[in-house]
């Protein structure tokens, strides 16, 4: 991921409350938890683009990554 882009998101109050609790259980912010949920869904659906940079060959691929965290934006 490169830059982060903000946007408004409307959620049902009950859904947001469940995400907030899950985030607290995982010691993440609500925003971080939503990003993780979306990232995991994209991985599962094979919807993420492959990295263009070949220098990351030694890095685990998205499918091999077991950390469960989205790639750093650094």
Foldseek 3Di string as FASTA:
>chain_A
DADDDDDDDDDDPVVLVVLCVVCVVVVHHSVQSVVLVVLVVCLVVVNDDWDPDPVCVVPDGSVPDPPSHDDDND
